[in-house]
Protein backbone atom coordinates (compact mmCIF):
# COMPACT_ATOMS: atom_id res chain seq x y z
CA MET A 1 84.99 127.13 88.30
CA PRO A 2 81.84 125.20 89.17
CA ILE A 3 80.28 125.22 92.63
CA PHE A 4 82.10 122.49 94.52
CA ARG A 5 81.62 120.92 97.95
CA GLN A 6 83.39 117.96 99.55
CA LEU A 7 81.20 116.25 102.13
CA PHE A 8 82.09 113.48 104.60
CA ASP A 9 80.43 110.54 106.30
CA PRO A 10 82.39 109.74 109.48
CA THR A 11 80.98 106.24 109.93
CA SER A 12 82.29 104.90 106.62
CA SER A 13 84.96 107.60 105.99
CA THR A 14 83.27 108.24 102.64
CA TYR A 15 83.59 111.47 100.69
CA THR A 16 80.59 112.70 98.72
CA TYR A 17 81.10 115.42 96.12
CA LEU A 18 78.67 118.09 94.94
CA LEU A 19 79.38 119.82 91.63
CA ALA A 20 77.09 122.44 90.07
CA ASP A 21 77.08 124.77 87.09
CA ARG A 22 76.89 128.33 88.44
CA ASP A 23 74.72 129.73 85.66
CA SER A 24 72.04 127.04 85.37
CA GLY A 25 72.17 125.72 88.94
CA GLU A 26 72.19 122.12 87.67
CA ALA A 27 74.16 119.80 89.93
CA VAL A 28 75.50 116.26 90.31
CA LEU A 29 76.36 114.38 93.48
CA ILE A 30 79.05 111.71 93.43
CA ASP A 31 78.95 108.74 95.84
CA PRO A 32 76.14 109.80 98.20
CA VAL A 33 75.66 107.91 101.49
CA PHE A 34 72.20 106.78 102.59
CA GLU A 35 72.43 108.16 106.13
CA GLN A 36 73.56 111.55 104.78
CA ALA A 37 70.92 111.92 102.05
CA ARG A 38 68.85 114.37 104.05
CA ARG A 39 71.96 116.49 104.71
CA ASP A 40 72.84 116.49 101.02
CA ALA A 41 69.30 117.43 99.99
CA ALA A 42 69.36 120.32 102.47
CA LEU A 43 72.60 121.65 100.99
CA VAL A 44 71.20 121.44 97.44
CA SER A 45 68.12 123.35 98.57
CA GLU A 46 70.02 126.03 100.51
CA LEU A 47 72.32 126.66 97.54
CA GLY A 48 69.30 126.98 95.22
CA LEU A 49 70.43 124.11 92.99
CA HIS A 50 68.63 121.47 90.95
CA LEU A 51 70.13 118.03 91.50
CA ARG A 52 70.08 116.30 88.12
CA TRP A 53 72.14 113.19 88.79
CA THR A 54 73.58 111.03 91.51
CA LEU A 55 76.66 109.17 90.28
CA GLU A 56 78.32 106.06 91.66
CA THR A 57 82.01 105.32 91.16
CA HIS A 58 81.38 101.61 91.93
CA THR A 59 79.21 99.18 93.89
CA HIS A 60 80.28 100.05 97.41
CA ALA A 61 80.93 97.40 100.07
CA ASP A 62 81.26 99.71 103.09
CA HIS A 63 78.12 101.84 102.95
CA VAL A 64 74.68 101.97 101.33
CA THR A 65 74.26 104.56 98.60
CA GLY A 66 71.90 107.50 99.05
CA ALA A 67 70.89 107.47 95.38
CA TRP A 68 67.37 106.06 95.80
CA ARG A 69 66.70 108.30 98.80
CA LEU A 70 67.85 111.42 96.93
CA LYS A 71 65.61 110.52 94.04
CA GLN A 72 62.68 110.66 96.47
CA LEU A 73 63.88 113.90 98.07
CA CYS A 74 65.17 115.83 95.06
CA GLY A 75 63.99 114.03 91.93
CA ALA A 76 67.59 113.29 90.93
CA GLU A 77 68.14 110.58 88.33
CA ILE A 78 70.49 107.73 89.17
CA ALA A 79 73.56 106.87 87.08
CA VAL A 80 75.68 103.80 87.89
CA PRO A 81 78.51 101.83 86.23
CA ALA A 82 77.19 99.51 83.54
CA GLU A 83 79.61 96.82 84.68
CA GLY A 84 78.65 97.12 88.35
CA GLY A 85 75.59 94.88 88.17
CA ALA A 86 73.13 97.30 89.80
CA GLN A 87 69.45 97.35 88.80
CA GLY A 88 66.94 100.19 88.87
CA ALA A 89 69.14 103.04 87.67
CA ASP A 90 68.06 105.62 85.10
CA ARG A 91 71.35 105.45 83.21
CA MET A 92 74.14 102.92 82.87
CA LEU A 93 77.52 104.58 82.44
CA ARG A 94 80.38 103.32 80.26
CA HIS A 95 83.84 104.50 79.33
CA GLY A 96 83.67 107.58 77.12
CA ASP A 97 80.24 108.74 78.27
CA ARG A 98 79.57 112.28 79.41
CA VAL A 99 77.33 113.42 82.25
CA ALA A 100 76.14 116.97 81.66
CA PHE A 101 75.07 119.48 84.31
CA GLY A 102 74.27 122.82 82.77
CA ALA A 103 77.11 123.92 80.52
CA ARG A 104 79.61 121.65 82.31
CA HIS A 105 80.14 117.91 82.10
CA LEU A 106 82.02 115.02 83.62
CA ALA A 107 83.83 112.58 81.34
CA VAL A 108 83.48 108.94 82.35
CA ARG A 109 86.63 106.80 82.45
CA ALA A 110 86.51 103.06 83.20
CA THR A 111 89.07 102.30 85.92
CA PRO A 112 88.42 98.64 86.94
CA GLY A 113 90.60 96.66 89.30
CA HIS A 114 89.18 97.43 92.73
CA THR A 115 85.92 96.04 91.32
CA ASP A 116 84.83 95.19 87.77
CA GLY A 117 82.64 98.25 87.51
CA CYS A 118 84.83 101.05 88.87
CA LEU A 119 84.56 104.42 87.13
CA SER A 120 86.37 107.71 87.54
CA PHE A 121 84.85 111.07 86.60
CA VAL A 122 86.97 113.84 85.06
CA LEU A 123 85.76 117.45 84.93
CA ASP A 124 85.57 118.87 81.40
CA ASP A 125 88.67 121.08 81.82
CA ALA A 126 90.68 118.23 83.47
CA SER A 127 91.23 120.41 86.56
CA MET A 128 89.83 117.76 88.87
CA ALA A 129 88.93 114.07 88.81
CA PHE A 130 86.95 111.85 91.16
CA THR A 131 88.65 108.51 91.47
CA GLY A 132 86.37 106.44 93.69
CA ASP A 133 88.38 103.64 95.31
CA CYS A 134 90.63 103.19 92.28
CA LEU A 135 93.22 105.71 93.50
CA LEU A 136 93.33 107.05 97.05
CA VAL A 137 95.66 109.63 98.60
CA ARG A 138 98.98 107.69 98.71
CA GLY A 139 97.11 104.43 98.32
CA CYS A 140 94.48 102.58 96.30
CA GLY A 141 91.46 100.35 96.70
CA ARG A 142 91.95 96.70 97.67
CA THR A 143 91.75 94.00 95.02
CA ASP A 144 90.84 90.87 96.96
CA PHE A 145 87.04 90.73 96.56
CA GLN A 146 84.21 91.85 94.20
CA GLN A 147 86.17 90.68 91.13
CA GLY A 148 89.19 92.72 92.13
CA ASP A 149 92.32 92.35 90.02
CA ALA A 150 95.64 94.01 90.85
CA HIS A 151 96.90 93.83 87.25
CA ARG A 152 93.77 95.64 85.99
CA LEU A 153 94.03 98.26 88.72
CA TRP A 154 97.66 98.99 87.81
CA HIS A 155 96.76 99.57 84.19
CA SER A 156 93.65 101.62 85.09
CA VAL A 157 95.65 104.04 87.21
CA HIS A 158 98.50 104.44 84.77
CA ALA A 159 96.39 104.66 81.60
CA GLU A 160 93.40 106.68 82.82
CA LEU A 161 94.56 108.73 85.81
CA PHE A 162 98.32 109.22 85.60
CA SER A 163 97.73 110.33 81.99
CA LEU A 164 95.84 113.40 83.20
CA PRO A 165 97.63 116.76 83.49
CA PRO A 166 100.10 116.83 86.40
CA ASP A 167 98.20 119.59 88.21
CA CYS A 168 94.84 117.80 87.97
CA LEU A 169 93.45 117.46 91.49
CA LEU A 170 92.35 113.96 92.47
CA TYR A 171 89.50 113.46 94.92
CA PRO A 172 89.12 109.94 96.44
CA ALA A 173 85.97 108.19 97.66
CA HIS A 174 87.55 107.50 101.06
CA ASP A 175 90.29 108.50 103.40
CA TYR A 176 90.88 107.15 106.88
CA ARG A 177 93.49 109.70 107.96
CA GLY A 178 91.68 112.95 107.21
CA LEU A 179 93.44 113.61 103.90
CA THR A 180 91.15 115.29 101.41
CA VAL A 181 92.82 115.74 98.03
CA THR A 182 95.95 114.98 96.07
CA SER A 183 97.22 115.55 92.53
CA VAL A 184 98.43 113.52 89.58
CA ARG A 185 101.93 114.90 90.05
CA GLU A 186 102.04 113.87 93.72
CA GLU A 187 100.70 110.36 93.18
CA ARG A 188 103.04 109.70 90.27
CA ALA A 189 105.96 110.60 92.49
CA PHE A 190 104.95 109.52 95.98
CA ASN A 191 102.25 106.86 95.91
CA PRO A 192 104.04 103.97 97.67
CA ARG A 193 102.11 101.35 95.72
CA LEU A 194 101.79 102.82 92.24
CA GLY A 195 104.21 105.72 91.92
CA GLY A 196 107.91 106.38 91.78
CA GLU A 197 109.95 103.48 90.43
CA ALA A 198 107.29 100.83 91.19
CA ALA A 199 106.66 98.25 88.47
CA GLU A 200 103.54 96.19 87.88
CA GLY A 201 105.08 93.15 89.56
CA ASP A 202 105.94 95.18 92.64
CA PHE A 203 102.38 96.43 92.87
CA VAL A 204 100.78 93.00 92.41
CA GLY A 205 103.00 91.50 95.09
CA TYR A 206 102.10 94.31 97.46
CA MET A 207 98.37 93.89 96.90
CA GLN A 208 98.46 90.10 97.28
CA ASN A 209 99.90 90.43 100.78
CA LEU A 210 97.64 93.06 102.36
CA ASN A 211 95.66 90.45 104.35
CA LEU A 212 92.83 92.84 105.24
CA PRO A 213 89.53 91.79 106.87
CA HIS A 214 86.39 92.15 104.77
CA PRO A 215 84.43 95.38 105.25
CA LYS A 216 82.03 95.09 108.19
CA GLN A 217 79.01 96.25 106.17
CA ILE A 218 79.63 94.19 103.02
CA ALA A 219 76.72 91.76 103.62
CA ILE A 220 74.31 94.69 103.93
CA ALA A 221 75.86 97.26 101.61
CA VAL A 222 76.42 95.23 98.45
CA PRO A 223 72.84 93.80 98.14
CA ALA A 224 71.36 97.25 98.87
CA ASN A 225 73.67 98.95 96.37
CA LEU A 226 72.75 96.45 93.68
CA VAL A 227 69.27 98.05 93.80
CA CYS A 228 70.62 101.63 94.09
CA GLY A 229 69.90 101.84 97.83
CA ARG A 230 66.19 101.09 97.54
CA PRO A 231 64.85 99.40 100.70
CA LEU A 232 64.90 95.62 100.27
CA GLN A 233 62.12 94.80 102.74
CA ASP A 234 60.20 96.17 105.72
CA GLY A 235 62.62 97.17 108.41
CA ALA A 236 65.57 97.34 105.99
CA THR A 237 67.57 100.38 105.00
CA GLY A 238 64.64 102.54 103.97
CA ASP A 239 63.01 102.35 107.39
CA ALA A 240 66.08 103.60 109.23
CA PRO A 241 65.52 106.72 111.37
CA ALA A 242 67.56 108.79 108.91
CA ALA A 243 64.90 108.15 106.26
CA ARG A 244 61.70 108.84 108.17
CA GLU A 245 60.12 112.29 107.99
CA PRO A 246 58.67 113.70 111.24
CA ALA A 247 54.89 113.30 111.23
CA TRP A 248 53.96 115.79 113.94
CA ALA A 249 54.43 118.91 111.77
CA PRO A 250 55.76 119.95 108.34
CA LEU A 251 59.44 120.52 109.03
CA VAL A 252 62.48 121.48 106.94
CA PHE A 253 65.88 119.87 107.54
CA THR A 254 68.83 122.26 107.28
CA PHE A 255 72.42 121.64 106.23
CA ALA A 256 73.37 122.64 109.78
CA GLY A 257 71.71 119.39 110.89
CA LEU A 258 68.55 120.75 112.50
CA TRP A 259 64.86 120.48 111.87
CA GLU A 260 63.13 123.85 111.51
CA ILE A 261 59.45 124.74 111.75
CA GLN A 262 57.90 127.83 110.17
CA PRO A 263 55.67 130.10 112.30
CA GLN A 264 52.45 129.12 110.51
CA ALA A 265 53.13 125.42 111.03
CA LEU A 266 53.82 126.00 114.74
CA GLU A 267 50.57 127.89 115.20
CA GLU A 268 48.66 125.11 113.45
CA ALA A 269 50.34 122.44 115.60
CA GLY A 270 48.47 123.75 118.62
CA PRO A 271 48.80 122.67 122.27
CA ASP A 272 50.30 119.24 121.52
CA VAL A 273 53.69 120.93 121.06
CA GLN A 274 55.88 122.08 123.95
CA VAL A 275 57.25 125.54 123.14
CA VAL A 276 60.42 126.44 125.04
CA ASP A 277 61.51 130.09 124.92
CA VAL A 278 65.25 130.20 125.70
CA ARG A 279 65.63 133.98 125.90
CA GLU A 280 66.49 135.74 129.13
CA PRO A 281 63.56 136.75 131.40
CA ALA A 282 63.76 140.44 130.40
CA GLU A 283 63.45 139.44 126.74
CA PHE A 284 60.58 137.04 127.39
CA ASP A 285 58.63 139.94 128.95
CA GLY A 286 60.13 142.55 126.61
CA PRO A 287 58.94 144.39 123.50
CA LEU A 288 58.76 141.34 121.22
CA GLY A 289 56.47 139.54 123.63
CA HIS A 290 56.24 135.76 123.64
CA ILE A 291 54.13 132.89 122.34
CA ALA A 292 51.28 132.36 124.77
CA GLN A 293 51.97 128.65 125.38
CA ALA A 294 55.75 129.10 125.68
CA ARG A 295 57.62 127.92 128.77
CA PRO A 296 60.48 130.32 129.63
CA ILE A 297 63.72 128.42 130.24
CA PRO A 298 66.84 130.50 129.50
CA LEU A 299 69.42 128.72 127.40
CA GLY A 300 71.98 128.72 130.22
CA ALA A 301 69.54 126.88 132.48
CA LEU A 302 68.13 124.43 129.95
CA ALA A 303 70.49 121.52 130.68
CA ALA A 304 69.57 121.63 134.38
CA ARG A 305 65.83 121.87 133.74
CA LEU A 306 65.28 119.10 131.19
CA GLY A 307 63.08 117.31 133.73
CA GLU A 308 60.41 119.98 133.21
CA LEU A 309 59.84 118.75 129.64
CA SER A 310 58.10 115.62 128.45
CA ALA A 311 60.22 113.42 126.19
CA ASP A 312 56.99 111.99 124.71
CA ARG A 313 55.80 115.26 123.14
CA PRO A 314 57.38 117.38 120.40
CA VAL A 315 59.45 120.37 121.50
CA VAL A 316 59.95 123.62 119.60
CA THR A 317 62.68 125.96 120.76
CA VAL A 318 62.30 129.73 120.34
CA CYS A 319 64.50 132.80 120.78
CA ARG A 320 64.75 136.27 119.23
CA SER A 321 66.16 135.27 115.83
CA GLY A 322 66.46 131.47 115.84
CA THR A 323 70.16 131.41 116.73
CA ARG A 324 70.21 130.58 120.45
CA SER A 325 67.22 128.32 120.00
CA ALA A 326 69.16 126.33 117.39
CA GLN A 327 71.75 125.62 120.08
CA ALA A 328 68.94 124.67 122.43
CA ALA A 329 67.49 122.25 119.89
CA THR A 330 70.90 120.60 119.54
CA LEU A 331 71.15 120.27 123.31
CA LEU A 332 67.73 118.62 123.49
CA GLN A 333 68.60 116.19 120.70
CA LYS A 334 71.77 115.14 122.48
CA ALA A 335 69.77 114.69 125.68
CA GLY A 336 67.55 112.13 123.93
CA PHE A 337 64.52 114.19 122.91
CA GLY A 338 63.45 112.65 119.60
CA ALA A 339 60.98 115.21 118.24
CA VAL A 340 62.66 118.62 118.33
CA ALA A 341 62.50 121.60 115.99
CA ASN A 342 63.76 125.15 116.00
CA LEU A 343 61.41 128.03 115.19
CA ALA A 344 62.82 129.48 111.96
CA GLY A 345 63.48 133.18 112.33
CA GLY A 346 62.49 133.21 116.00
CA MET A 347 60.16 135.81 117.48
CA LEU A 348 61.22 138.34 114.87
CA ARG A 349 59.66 136.26 112.09
CA TRP A 350 56.73 135.17 114.28
CA ARG A 351 55.75 138.80 114.85
CA ALA A 352 56.56 139.92 111.31
CA ASN A 353 54.18 137.25 109.97
CA GLY A 354 51.39 138.53 112.19
CA HIS A 355 51.05 135.62 114.61
CA PRO A 356 49.60 136.33 118.08
CA VAL A 357 51.85 137.25 120.99
CA ALA A 358 51.37 137.63 124.71
CA GLY A 359 52.71 140.90 126.12
CA GLY A 360 55.16 142.95 124.15
CA ALA A 361 54.84 146.30 122.41
CA SER A 362 52.04 147.00 119.99
């Protein structure tokens, strides 16, 4: 079994999938979202993986891909459907291709109908498949824009997906009800559009009468995805806050959603940084000592004492191990402080690395 993670973007209800070969550490990421690229890169780093490829199931109309951003962050190459019309990718994928990651691979199956360029990816042992918007949990992608065709979608599902082993798990690109996975057996039997006793004419009639509004982000998402998520102009996607790296210190973003600063970087940052020690008073004056410039504000009192801090200067939160201070950093972010980082490893790492302390035991 490869390493597998199912990730979610709540704004667009998009699932992103990480697959990695356990022995080599090589990984692929399917359908990344621009705003979540930093999160995905943090997970890859924390798991000790090498991201080889980002893969797109189709040219999305509801979110901007994170492919270009992840190429900058991780060096991952970009693979997109050859029929999707996108430019700037490293590889154009067609039916029958294979995408290798270590000793494992994904087989590429063309499943058009939602769009011209839809692909599905099947793991080498056919234990799981990633269906994009072609087949959803008890549903399917719409067929009324981007060269959609209900007849093609019917044949794609039946020829390329329902032909997989019954126990093959199917992972969709979206779900709006919190459903995460289904199987070939289930969808054959229970999909109200495509399964059971439904015939092609039934399905086409169903799809022609959905009368859905266009996706809200289509005017932004499609042009951006046609260049693999690369910023189109100044102020466009690439300049969004999710893309900018903090300039006030070298920080590391964690999969938990926090910026962390290492002790050496904090010492080099000097007096421009506000250091907030959220331990209890006895700990602040206890054996570990404290950082000389630190302001003692216990975690339980922090919400009531935010007025003591300047929102215009970076803040680093500190505790014994980095645990309570991580909660403090989250609190400050929610309160509107824009430049916040947690001291990785807390005072334990600060002292172990030989940085100066005030008070404390020798």
